C-alpha atoms as a PDB file:
ATOM      1  CA  MET A   1     -60.255  41.383 -66.710  1.00  0.00           C
ATOM      2  CA  GLY A   2     -59.869  44.632 -68.440  1.00  0.00           C
ATOM      3  CA  TYR A   3     -59.001  47.332 -65.966  1.00  0.00           C
ATOM      4  CA  GLY A   4     -55.740  48.767 -64.474  1.00  0.00           C
ATOM      5  CA  SER A   5     -52.173  48.678 -65.664  1.00  0.00           C
ATOM      6  CA  TYR A   6     -48.976  47.039 -64.720  1.00  0.00           C
ATOM      7  CA  SER A   7     -46.074  48.968 -63.059  1.00  0.00           C
ATOM      8  CA  ALA A   8     -42.688  48.378 -61.875  1.00  0.00           C
ATOM      9  CA  SER A   9     -43.440  49.783 -58.535  1.00  0.00           C
ATOM     10  CA  ASP A  10     -46.377  47.350 -58.012  1.00  0.00           C
ATOM     11  CA  TRP A  11     -44.054  44.333 -58.860  1.00  0.00           C
ATOM     12  CA  SER A  12     -41.439  45.708 -56.389  1.00  0.00           C
ATOM     13  CA  LYS A  13     -44.078  45.947 -53.743  1.00  0.00           C
ATOM     14  CA  LEU A  14     -45.323  42.439 -54.411  1.00  0.00           C
ATOM     15  CA  LYS A  15     -41.804  40.967 -54.652  1.00  0.00           C
ATOM     16  CA  SER A  16     -40.943  42.707 -51.289  1.00  0.00           C
ATOM     17  CA  SER A  17     -44.028  41.587 -49.472  1.00  0.00           C
ATOM     18  CA  ARG A  18     -43.729  37.792 -50.674  1.00  0.00           C
ATOM     19  CA  LYS A  19     -40.017  38.000 -50.028  1.00  0.00           C
ATOM     20  CA  LEU A  20     -39.395  36.548 -53.446  1.00  0.00           C
ATOM     21  CA  SER A  21     -35.970  35.595 -54.626  1.00  0.00           C
ATOM     22  CA  ASN A  22     -34.667  33.510 -57.419  1.00  0.00           C
ATOM     23  CA  ASN A  23     -32.402  31.791 -54.747  1.00  0.00           C
ATOM     24  CA  GLN A  24     -35.545  30.249 -53.206  1.00  0.00           C
ATOM     25  CA  ASN A  25     -36.705  26.620 -54.036  1.00  0.00           C
ATOM     26  CA  VAL A  26     -39.951  25.971 -55.642  1.00  0.00           C
ATOM     27  CA  GLU A  27     -41.815  25.232 -52.363  1.00  0.00           C
ATOM     28  CA  GLU A  28     -40.820  28.605 -50.921  1.00  0.00           C
ATOM     29  CA  VAL A  29     -42.127  30.518 -54.028  1.00  0.00           C
ATOM     30  CA  PHE A  30     -45.286  28.429 -54.746  1.00  0.00           C
ATOM     31  CA  LYS A  31     -46.673  27.784 -51.173  1.00  0.00           C
ATOM     32  CA  ASN A  32     -49.992  26.291 -51.896  1.00  0.00           C
ATOM     33  CA  ARG A  33     -50.360  22.599 -51.414  1.00  0.00           C
ATOM     34  CA  GLN A  34     -53.538  22.023 -53.284  1.00  0.00           C
ATOM     35  CA  ILE A  35     -55.261  23.524 -56.345  1.00  0.00           C
ATOM     36  CA  ASN A  36     -57.138  26.808 -55.774  1.00  0.00           C
ATOM     37  CA  PRO A  37     -60.722  26.053 -56.988  1.00  0.00           C
ATOM     38  CA  LYS A  38     -60.692  29.352 -58.769  1.00  0.00           C
ATOM     39  CA  MET A  39     -58.159  27.997 -61.074  1.00  0.00           C
ATOM     40  CA  ASP A  40     -59.490  24.507 -61.609  1.00  0.00           C
ATOM     41  CA  PRO A  41     -60.840  24.349 -65.137  1.00  0.00           C
ATOM     42  CA  TYR A  42     -63.342  21.723 -64.103  1.00  0.00           C
ATOM     43  CA  TYR A  43     -65.352  24.411 -62.382  1.00  0.00           C
ATOM     44  CA  ILE A  44     -64.730  27.204 -64.819  1.00  0.00           C
ATOM     45  CA  GLY A  45     -67.138  28.093 -67.277  1.00  0.00           C
ATOM     46  CA  THR A  46     -65.336  30.888 -69.443  1.00  0.00           C
ATOM     47  CA  ARG A  47     -62.357  32.854 -69.116  1.00  0.00           C
ATOM     48  CA  GLU A  48     -63.019  36.395 -70.709  1.00  0.00           C
ATOM     49  CA  CYS A  49     -60.489  38.800 -72.355  1.00  0.00           C
ATOM     50  CA  PHE A  50     -62.573  41.804 -73.220  1.00  0.00           C
ATOM     51  CA  ASP A  51     -61.727  45.283 -74.289  1.00  0.00           C
ATOM     52  CA  SER A  52     -62.301  48.154 -71.921  1.00  0.00           C
ATOM     53  CA  GLU A  53     -61.828  51.883 -71.676  1.00  0.00           C
ATOM     54  CA  ASP A  54     -58.354  51.275 -70.308  1.00  0.00           C
ATOM     55  CA  HIS A  55     -57.496  48.555 -72.794  1.00  0.00           C
ATOM     56  CA  PRO A  56     -59.519  49.087 -76.171  1.00  0.00           C
ATOM     57  CA  ASN A  57     -57.482  46.647 -78.274  1.00  0.00           C
ATOM     58  CA  THR A  58     -56.650  43.610 -75.943  1.00  0.00           C
ATOM     59  CA  THR A  59     -54.341  40.987 -77.086  1.00  0.00           C
ATOM     60  CA  PRO A  60     -54.551  37.705 -75.109  1.00  0.00           C
ATOM     61  CA  ILE A  61     -51.222  36.108 -74.263  1.00  0.00           C
ATOM     62  CA  VAL A  62     -50.971  32.841 -72.477  1.00  0.00           C
ATOM     63  CA  VAL A  63     -47.986  31.596 -70.564  1.00  0.00           C
ATOM     64  CA  GLY A  64     -48.119  27.907 -69.690  1.00  0.00           C
ATOM     65  CA  LEU A  65     -45.725  26.336 -67.402  1.00  0.00           C
ATOM     66  CA  ASP A  66     -44.767  22.759 -67.110  1.00  0.00           C
ATOM     67  CA  VAL A  67     -45.095  22.135 -63.335  1.00  0.00           C
ATOM     68  CA  THR A  68     -43.705  18.665 -63.219  1.00  0.00           C
ATOM     69  CA  GLY A  69     -40.872  17.838 -60.858  1.00  0.00           C
ATOM     70  CA  SER A  70     -37.905  18.485 -63.220  1.00  0.00           C
ATOM     71  CA  MET A  71     -39.194  22.073 -64.117  1.00  0.00           C
ATOM     72  CA  GLY A  72     -39.021  23.644 -60.639  1.00  0.00           C
ATOM     73  CA  TYR A  73     -36.105  25.747 -61.350  1.00  0.00           C
ATOM     74  CA  LEU A  74     -37.859  27.218 -64.417  1.00  0.00           C
ATOM     75  CA  ALA A  75     -41.132  28.038 -62.517  1.00  0.00           C
ATOM     76  CA  VAL A  76     -39.077  29.863 -59.837  1.00  0.00           C
ATOM     77  CA  GLU A  77     -37.284  31.968 -62.753  1.00  0.00           C
ATOM     78  CA  ILE A  78     -40.524  32.910 -64.242  1.00  0.00           C
ATOM     79  CA  ALA A  79     -42.253  33.850 -61.037  1.00  0.00           C
ATOM     80  CA  THR A  80     -39.417  35.784 -59.435  1.00  0.00           C
ATOM     81  CA  ARG A  81     -38.071  37.566 -62.570  1.00  0.00           C
ATOM     82  CA  ALA A  82     -38.980  36.580 -66.122  1.00  0.00           C
ATOM     83  CA  LEU A  83     -42.783  37.215 -65.837  1.00  0.00           C
ATOM     84  CA  ASN A  84     -42.113  40.942 -64.753  1.00  0.00           C
ATOM     85  CA  GLU A  85     -39.475  41.224 -67.384  1.00  0.00           C
ATOM     86  CA  LEU A  86     -41.910  39.876 -70.007  1.00  0.00           C
ATOM     87  CA  ILE A  87     -44.628  42.318 -69.093  1.00  0.00           C
ATOM     88  CA  MET A  88     -42.588  45.478 -68.818  1.00  0.00           C
ATOM     89  CA  LYS A  89     -40.698  44.712 -72.257  1.00  0.00           C
ATOM     90  CA  LEU A  90     -44.161  44.036 -73.860  1.00  0.00           C
ATOM     91  CA  TYR A  91     -45.035  47.554 -73.038  1.00  0.00           C
ATOM     92  CA  SER A  92     -41.812  49.100 -73.822  1.00  0.00           C
ATOM     93  CA  THR A  93     -41.403  47.471 -77.137  1.00  0.00           C
ATOM     94  CA  GLY A  94     -45.001  47.805 -78.071  1.00  0.00           C
ATOM     95  CA  ALA A  95     -45.051  44.307 -79.456  1.00  0.00           C
ATOM     96  CA  VAL A  96     -48.656  44.082 -79.095  1.00  0.00           C
ATOM     97  CA  GLU A  97     -51.512  46.444 -78.163  1.00  0.00           C
ATOM     98  CA  ASP A  98     -52.878  46.228 -74.710  1.00  0.00           C
ATOM     99  CA  PRO A  99     -51.560  42.905 -73.612  1.00  0.00           C
ATOM    100  CA  ALA A 100     -53.590  40.658 -71.250  1.00  0.00           C
ATOM    101  CA  LEU A 101     -51.843  37.747 -69.801  1.00  0.00           C
ATOM    102  CA  MET A 102     -53.199  34.431 -68.545  1.00  0.00           C
ATOM    103  CA  CYS A 103     -50.910  32.148 -66.607  1.00  0.00           C
ATOM    104  CA  ALA A 104     -51.402  28.423 -66.791  1.00  0.00           C
ATOM    105  CA  ALA A 105     -49.875  25.290 -65.182  1.00  0.00           C
ATOM    106  CA  TYR A 106     -49.928  22.043 -66.927  1.00  0.00           C
ATOM    107  CA  GLY A 107     -48.466  18.647 -65.521  1.00  0.00           C
ATOM    108  CA  ASP A 108     -48.726  14.834 -66.080  1.00  0.00           C
ATOM    109  CA  PHE A 109     -52.057  13.136 -67.006  1.00  0.00           C
ATOM    110  CA  SER A 110     -51.965  11.230 -63.675  1.00  0.00           C
ATOM    111  CA  ASP A 111     -51.616  14.387 -61.534  1.00  0.00           C
ATOM    112  CA  GLN A 112     -54.200  15.438 -58.939  1.00  0.00           C
ATOM    113  CA  SER A 113     -54.548  18.803 -60.848  1.00  0.00           C
ATOM    114  CA  PRO A 114     -53.223  18.408 -64.464  1.00  0.00           C
ATOM    115  CA  LEU A 115     -54.263  21.923 -65.392  1.00  0.00           C
ATOM    116  CA  GLN A 116     -54.647  25.249 -63.546  1.00  0.00           C
ATOM    117  CA  VAL A 117     -55.576  28.521 -65.248  1.00  0.00           C
ATOM    118  CA  THR A 118     -55.694  32.172 -64.097  1.00  0.00           C
ATOM    119  CA  GLN A 119     -57.772  35.083 -65.364  1.00  0.00           C
ATOM    120  CA  PHE A 120     -56.722  37.160 -68.210  1.00  0.00           C
ATOM    121  CA  GLU A 121     -55.214  40.406 -66.530  1.00  0.00           C
ATOM    122  CA  SER A 122     -53.352  43.633 -67.246  1.00  0.00           C
ATOM    123  CA  ASP A 123     -52.124  44.696 -63.841  1.00  0.00           C
ATOM    124  CA  ILE A 124     -50.242  43.234 -60.950  1.00  0.00           C
ATOM    125  CA  ARG A 125     -52.881  40.591 -60.717  1.00  0.00           C
ATOM    126  CA  ILE A 126     -51.061  38.646 -63.377  1.00  0.00           C
ATOM    127  CA  ALA A 127     -48.164  37.912 -61.057  1.00  0.00           C
ATOM    128  CA  GLU A 128     -50.367  37.610 -57.801  1.00  0.00           C
ATOM    129  CA  GLN A 129     -52.283  34.714 -59.564  1.00  0.00           C
ATOM    130  CA  LEU A 130     -49.240  33.141 -60.810  1.00  0.00           C
ATOM    131  CA  LEU A 131     -47.845  32.688 -57.248  1.00  0.00           C
ATOM    132  CA  GLU A 132     -51.244  30.984 -56.250  1.00  0.00           C
ATOM    133  CA  ILE A 133     -50.570  28.130 -58.593  1.00  0.00           C
ATOM    134  CA  PHE A 134     -50.185  24.702 -56.891  1.00  0.00           C
ATOM    135  CA  PHE A 135     -46.807  23.200 -58.016  1.00  0.00           C
ATOM    136  CA  GLU A 136     -47.705  19.504 -57.964  1.00  0.00           C
ATOM    137  CA  ASN A 137     -44.270  18.286 -58.583  1.00  0.00           C
ATOM    138  CA  GLY A 138     -45.225  15.143 -60.391  1.00  0.00           C
ATOM    139  CA  GLY A 139     -43.446  13.446 -63.117  1.00  0.00           C
ATOM    140  CA  CYS A 140     -44.574  10.321 -65.024  1.00  0.00           C
ATOM    141  CA  GLY A 141     -43.216  11.802 -68.307  1.00  0.00           C
ATOM    142  CA  GLN A 142     -46.497  12.175 -70.224  1.00  0.00           C
ATOM    143  CA  VAL A 143     -47.656  15.817 -69.953  1.00  0.00           C
ATOM    144  CA  VAL A 144     -51.078  17.214 -70.924  1.00  0.00           C
ATOM    145  CA  PRO A 145     -50.756  20.615 -72.571  1.00  0.00           C
ATOM    146  CA  THR A 146     -53.677  19.218 -74.610  1.00  0.00           C
ATOM    147  CA  CYS A 147     -55.939  19.990 -71.576  1.00  0.00           C
ATOM    148  CA  LEU A 148     -54.882  23.595 -71.979  1.00  0.00           C
ATOM    149  CA  TRP A 149     -55.384  23.645 -75.623  1.00  0.00           C
ATOM    150  CA  ASP A 150     -58.946  22.353 -75.110  1.00  0.00           C
ATOM    151  CA  PHE A 151     -59.661  24.869 -72.355  1.00  0.00           C
ATOM    152  CA  LEU A 152     -58.499  27.763 -74.466  1.00  0.00           C
ATOM    153  CA  SER A 153     -60.500  26.675 -77.648  1.00  0.00           C
ATOM    154  CA  ARG A 154     -63.729  26.029 -75.786  1.00  0.00           C
ATOM    155  CA  HIS A 155     -63.639  28.010 -72.660  1.00  0.00           C
ATOM    156  CA  THR A 156     -62.327  31.457 -73.664  1.00  0.00           C
ATOM    157  CA  ASN A 157     -64.295  34.384 -74.939  1.00  0.00           C
ATOM    158  CA  ILE A 158     -61.959  36.987 -76.507  1.00  0.00           C
ATOM    159  CA  ASP A 159     -62.572  40.284 -78.229  1.00  0.00           C
ATOM    160  CA  ALA A 160     -59.419  39.968 -80.262  1.00  0.00           C
ATOM    161  CA  ILE A 161     -61.090  37.208 -82.298  1.00  0.00           C
ATOM    162  CA  ASN A 162     -64.694  38.334 -81.873  1.00  0.00           C
ATOM    163  CA  LYS A 163     -64.158  41.967 -82.886  1.00  0.00           C
ATOM    164  CA  ARG A 164     -60.950  41.932 -84.904  1.00  0.00           C
ATOM    165  CA  GLY A 165     -60.261  38.476 -86.114  1.00  0.00           C
ATOM    166  CA  LYS A 166     -56.770  38.652 -84.584  1.00  0.00           C
ATOM    167  CA  LYS A 167     -55.535  35.606 -82.773  1.00  0.00           C
ATOM    168  CA  GLY A 168     -53.836  35.605 -79.334  1.00  0.00           C
ATOM    169  CA  TYR A 169     -50.725  33.856 -78.403  1.00  0.00           C
ATOM    170  CA  VAL A 170     -49.935  30.681 -76.297  1.00  0.00           C
ATOM    171  CA  PHE A 171     -46.295  29.921 -75.150  1.00  0.00           C
ATOM    172  CA  THR A 172     -46.020  26.582 -73.283  1.00  0.00           C
ATOM    173  CA  ILE A 173     -42.616  26.257 -71.695  1.00  0.00           C
ATOM    174  CA  GLY A 174     -41.185  22.929 -70.492  1.00  0.00           C
ATOM    175  CA  ASP A 175     -38.779  20.151 -70.956  1.00  0.00           C
ATOM    176  CA  ALA A 176     -38.895  17.350 -73.460  1.00  0.00           C
ATOM    177  CA  ALA A 177     -41.367  15.201 -71.685  1.00  0.00           C
ATOM    178  CA  GLU A 178     -43.825  13.476 -73.998  1.00  0.00           C
ATOM    179  CA  ILE A 179     -47.174  14.952 -74.933  1.00  0.00           C
ATOM    180  CA  ARG A 180     -49.671  12.200 -73.873  1.00  0.00           C
ATOM    181  CA  LYS A 181     -51.253  10.638 -77.128  1.00  0.00           C
ATOM    182  CA  ASP A 182     -53.376   7.897 -75.368  1.00  0.00           C
ATOM    183  CA  LYS A 183     -57.026   8.543 -73.959  1.00  0.00           C
ATOM    184  CA  VAL A 184     -56.876  12.076 -75.017  1.00  0.00           C
ATOM    185  CA  ALA A 185     -60.718  12.604 -74.899  1.00  0.00           C
ATOM    186  CA  GLU A 186     -60.901  10.670 -71.560  1.00  0.00           C
ATOM    187  CA  THR A 187     -58.254  12.930 -70.033  1.00  0.00           C
ATOM    188  CA  ILE A 188     -59.843  16.145 -71.180  1.00  0.00           C
ATOM    189  CA  GLN A 189     -63.132  15.064 -69.739  1.00  0.00           C
ATOM    190  CA  ARG A 190     -61.741  14.388 -66.352  1.00  0.00           C
ATOM    191  CA  VAL A 191     -59.768  17.627 -66.297  1.00  0.00           C
ATOM    192  CA  VAL A 192     -61.847  20.034 -68.115  1.00  0.00           C
ATOM    193  CA  LYS A 193     -65.213  18.309 -68.131  1.00  0.00           C
ATOM    194  CA  ASP A 194     -65.606  18.519 -71.890  1.00  0.00           C
ATOM    195  CA  THR A 195     -67.023  15.581 -73.840  1.00  0.00           C
ATOM    196  CA  LEU A 196     -65.102  14.872 -76.977  1.00  0.00           C
ATOM    197  CA  ASP A 197     -65.244  11.940 -79.553  1.00  0.00           C
ATOM    198  CA  SER A 198     -63.321   8.979 -78.296  1.00  0.00           C
ATOM    199  CA  ASN A 199     -61.219   9.014 -81.318  1.00  0.00           C
ATOM    200  CA  THR A 200     -60.004  12.698 -80.632  1.00  0.00           C
ATOM    201  CA  THR A 201     -56.185  13.017 -80.960  1.00  0.00           C
ATOM    202  CA  ARG A 202     -53.603  15.555 -79.929  1.00  0.00           C
ATOM    203  CA  GLU A 203     -53.513  17.067 -83.315  1.00  0.00           C
ATOM    204  CA  ASP A 204     -57.369  17.582 -83.299  1.00  0.00           C
ATOM    205  CA  VAL A 205     -57.072  19.458 -80.032  1.00  0.00           C
ATOM    206  CA  LEU A 206     -54.271  21.581 -81.055  1.00  0.00           C
ATOM    207  CA  SER A 207     -56.056  22.358 -84.383  1.00  0.00           C
ATOM    208  CA  GLU A 208     -59.055  23.820 -82.517  1.00  0.00           C
ATOM    209  CA  ALA A 209     -56.877  25.817 -80.177  1.00  0.00           C
ATOM    210  CA  GLU A 210     -55.062  27.314 -83.389  1.00  0.00           C
ATOM    211  CA  LYS A 211     -58.414  28.910 -84.457  1.00  0.00           C
ATOM    212  CA  LYS A 212     -58.009  31.417 -81.627  1.00  0.00           C
ATOM    213  CA  PHE A 213     -54.339  31.252 -80.821  1.00  0.00           C
ATOM    214  CA  ASN A 214     -50.920  31.214 -82.367  1.00  0.00           C
ATOM    215  CA  VAL A 215     -49.412  28.342 -80.369  1.00  0.00           C
ATOM    216  CA  PHE A 216     -45.706  27.962 -79.619  1.00  0.00           C
ATOM    217  CA  HIS A 217     -43.705  25.568 -77.386  1.00  0.00           C
ATOM    218  CA  LEU A 218     -40.336  26.416 -75.784  1.00  0.00           C
ATOM    219  CA  VAL A 219     -38.317  23.488 -74.950  1.00  0.00           C
ATOM    220  CA  VAL A 220     -35.509  23.994 -72.224  1.00  0.00           C
ATOM    221  CA  ASP A 221     -33.647  20.868 -73.278  1.00  0.00           C
ATOM    222  CA  SER A 222     -31.299  19.862 -76.022  1.00  0.00           C
ATOM    223  CA  SER A 223     -33.586  16.828 -76.875  1.00  0.00           C
ATOM    224  CA  THR A 224     -34.538  16.199 -80.497  1.00  0.00           C
ATOM    225  CA  THR A 225     -37.889  14.869 -79.622  1.00  0.00           C
ATOM    226  CA  ILE A 226     -40.624  16.932 -81.479  1.00  0.00           C
ATOM    227  CA  PHE A 227     -44.271  16.783 -81.644  1.00  0.00           C
ATOM    228  CA  PRO A 228     -44.939  16.834 -85.340  1.00  0.00           C
ATOM    229  CA  ALA A 229     -48.164  19.010 -85.288  1.00  0.00           C
ATOM    230  CA  LEU A 230     -46.195  21.759 -83.704  1.00  0.00           C
ATOM    231  CA  ALA A 231     -43.347  21.602 -86.245  1.00  0.00           C
ATOM    232  CA  GLY A 232     -42.116  25.125 -86.977  1.00  0.00           C
ATOM    233  CA  HIS A 233     -43.587  26.401 -83.752  1.00  0.00           C
ATOM    234  CA  ILE A 234     -41.238  24.741 -81.387  1.00  0.00           C
ATOM    235  CA  MET A 235     -37.871  26.414 -80.048  1.00  0.00           C
ATOM    236  CA  ARG A 236     -35.213  24.880 -78.007  1.00  0.00           C
ATOM    237  CA  ILE A 237     -33.002  26.638 -75.630  1.00  0.00           C
ATOM    238  CA  ASP A 238     -30.489  25.324 -72.949  1.00  0.00           C
ATOM    239  CA  PRO A 239     -31.421  25.587 -69.291  1.00  0.00           C
ATOM    240  CA  GLY A 240     -28.627  28.312 -68.838  1.00  0.00           C
ATOM    241  CA  GLU A 241     -30.509  30.387 -71.458  1.00  0.00           C
ATOM    242  CA  ILE A 242     -33.821  30.841 -69.602  1.00  0.00           C
ATOM    243  CA  MET A 243     -33.083  34.437 -68.563  1.00  0.00           C
ATOM    244  CA  ALA A 244     -33.765  35.269 -72.305  1.00  0.00           C
ATOM    245  CA  ILE A 245     -37.297  33.894 -72.391  1.00  0.00           C
ATOM    246  CA  PRO A 246     -38.945  37.346 -72.296  1.00  0.00           C
ATOM    247  CA  GLU A 247     -37.023  38.482 -75.303  1.00  0.00           C
ATOM    248  CA  ILE A 248     -37.687  35.175 -77.219  1.00  0.00           C
ATOM    249  CA  VAL A 249     -41.417  35.407 -76.484  1.00  0.00           C
ATOM    250  CA  ILE A 250     -41.644  39.032 -77.639  1.00  0.00           C
ATOM    251  CA  SER A 251     -39.389  38.288 -80.738  1.00  0.00           C
ATOM    252  CA  THR A 252     -41.566  35.468 -81.707  1.00  0.00           C
ATOM    253  CA  ILE A 253     -44.806  37.867 -81.585  1.00  0.00           C
ATOM    254  CA  GLN A 254     -43.009  40.517 -83.467  1.00  0.00           C
ATOM    255  CA  LEU A 255     -41.751  38.107 -86.203  1.00  0.00           C
ATOM    256  CA  ASN A 256     -45.137  36.600 -86.475  1.00  0.00           C
ATOM    257  CA  ASN A 257     -46.555  40.096 -86.870  1.00  0.00           C
ATOM    258  CA  GLY A 258     -44.211  40.725 -89.881  1.00  0.00           C
ATOM    259  CA  MET A 259     -41.383  42.829 -88.084  1.00  0.00           C
ATOM    260  CA  ASP A 260     -38.024  42.544 -89.897  1.00  0.00           C
ATOM    261  CA  LEU A 261     -35.715  39.887 -88.372  1.00  0.00           C
ATOM    262  CA  GLU A 262     -32.716  42.179 -87.939  1.00  0.00           C
ATOM    263  CA  LYS A 263     -34.864  44.831 -86.338  1.00  0.00           C
ATOM    264  CA  VAL A 264     -36.234  42.257 -83.910  1.00  0.00           C
ATOM    265  CA  ILE A 265     -32.648  41.127 -82.897  1.00  0.00           C
ATOM    266  CA  ALA A 266     -31.124  44.520 -82.814  1.00  0.00           C
ATOM    267  CA  GLN A 267     -33.532  45.685 -79.838  1.00  0.00           C
ATOM    268  CA  TRP A 268     -31.677  43.343 -77.477  1.00  0.00           C
ATOM    269  CA  ASP A 269     -28.537  43.627 -75.521  1.00  0.00           C
ATOM    270  CA  GLU A 270     -25.484  41.797 -77.024  1.00  0.00           C
ATOM    271  CA  VAL A 271     -25.676  38.944 -74.444  1.00  0.00           C
ATOM    272  CA  ASN A 272     -29.198  37.924 -75.423  1.00  0.00           C
ATOM    273  CA  GLN A 273     -28.952  38.562 -79.229  1.00  0.00           C
ATOM    274  CA  PRO A 274     -27.412  35.224 -80.185  1.00  0.00           C
ATOM    275  CA  ILE A 275     -29.696  33.379 -77.868  1.00  0.00           C
ATOM    276  CA  VAL A 276     -32.807  35.009 -79.448  1.00  0.00           C
ATOM    277  CA  ARG A 277     -31.443  34.529 -83.033  1.00  0.00           C
ATOM    278  CA  SER A 278     -30.852  30.894 -82.403  1.00  0.00           C
ATOM    279  CA  ALA A 279     -34.341  30.286 -80.776  1.00  0.00           C
ATOM    280  CA  ILE A 280     -36.530  32.192 -83.516  1.00  0.00           C
ATOM    281  CA  GLY A 281     -34.319  30.662 -86.238  1.00  0.00           C
ATOM    282  CA  GLN A 282     -36.054  27.420 -85.474  1.00  0.00           C
ATOM    283  CA  LEU A 283     -39.331  28.728 -86.298  1.00  0.00           C
ATOM    284  CA  ASN A 284     -41.220  28.268 -89.604  1.00  0.00           C
ATOM    285  CA  LEU A 285     -44.185  30.738 -89.298  1.00  0.00           C
ATOM    286  CA  HIS A 286     -45.635  29.663 -92.617  1.00  0.00           C
ATOM    287  CA  LYS A 287     -46.027  25.920 -92.537  1.00  0.00           C
ATOM    288  CA  ASP A 288     -46.784  25.641 -96.282  1.00  0.00           C
ATOM    289  CA  GLU A 289     -43.604  27.429 -97.048  1.00  0.00           C
ATOM    290  CA  GLU A 290     -39.888  26.531 -96.860  1.00  0.00           C
ATOM    291  CA  SER A 291     -38.485  27.393 -93.309  1.00  0.00           C
ATOM    292  CA  ILE A 292     -36.721  30.875 -93.177  1.00  0.00           C
ATOM    293  CA  ASN A 293     -33.056  30.544 -93.037  1.00  0.00           C
ATOM    294  CA  PHE A 294     -31.763  32.705 -90.268  1.00  0.00           C
END
């Protein structure tokens, strides 16, 4: 990655050429019926996020989608509207310098393709690659974002960390499916081809990913189920609030970077302000301190 820029006109052309609409079903939006080998982590050495003349201070941002059967409506929303909104608002708010986005798709451990990852890009290729994802539509209830965490910790080379010591951001988005805790190392070896100690836990994998990325999870569900290692970095919204995902993601980044809460909230329209306030009010960005009372 590293060259080009994202524009509204490029998005309009892509949306028109693909005849994209949020009224479509998931099979109409995501037409691949098997994984694209270029997105299969088993065969990928490293995903690079390097600075360039166009983007001298890259900030890697990963948007990971749960692609199990219950989440089809969310994937359609992200692909047909929210991703474009997120990118355009990242630029308009200046939330980070030179955003470079990777899209990822994770499913159940028993899926044929439990993880898919795109390249880090800064132009319309972000959306083009997302549309190439294979929506497997499985659903045994034990998802494996652990495979994504492992891939990001072991298979990314990013200048933000290497040159500036600044972490990127990961936002996984899904429902309240359980994060698989059994045979973590075995699953990662099958999916990513990494050999880990057999006693490796979900918490171990997350801890490694957090050396490079600020990791957050957005739960589109009212469930009280929580993964303890992500406490303070989990936000819950109702399905009817998914249109505010771009604002929630950007607000989380801004808050994490020290922006005043009220300034974060005030930049959004009146419809989304209470949704954003409720979502980021669930965060504790300093796990060793008391949660911030919003």
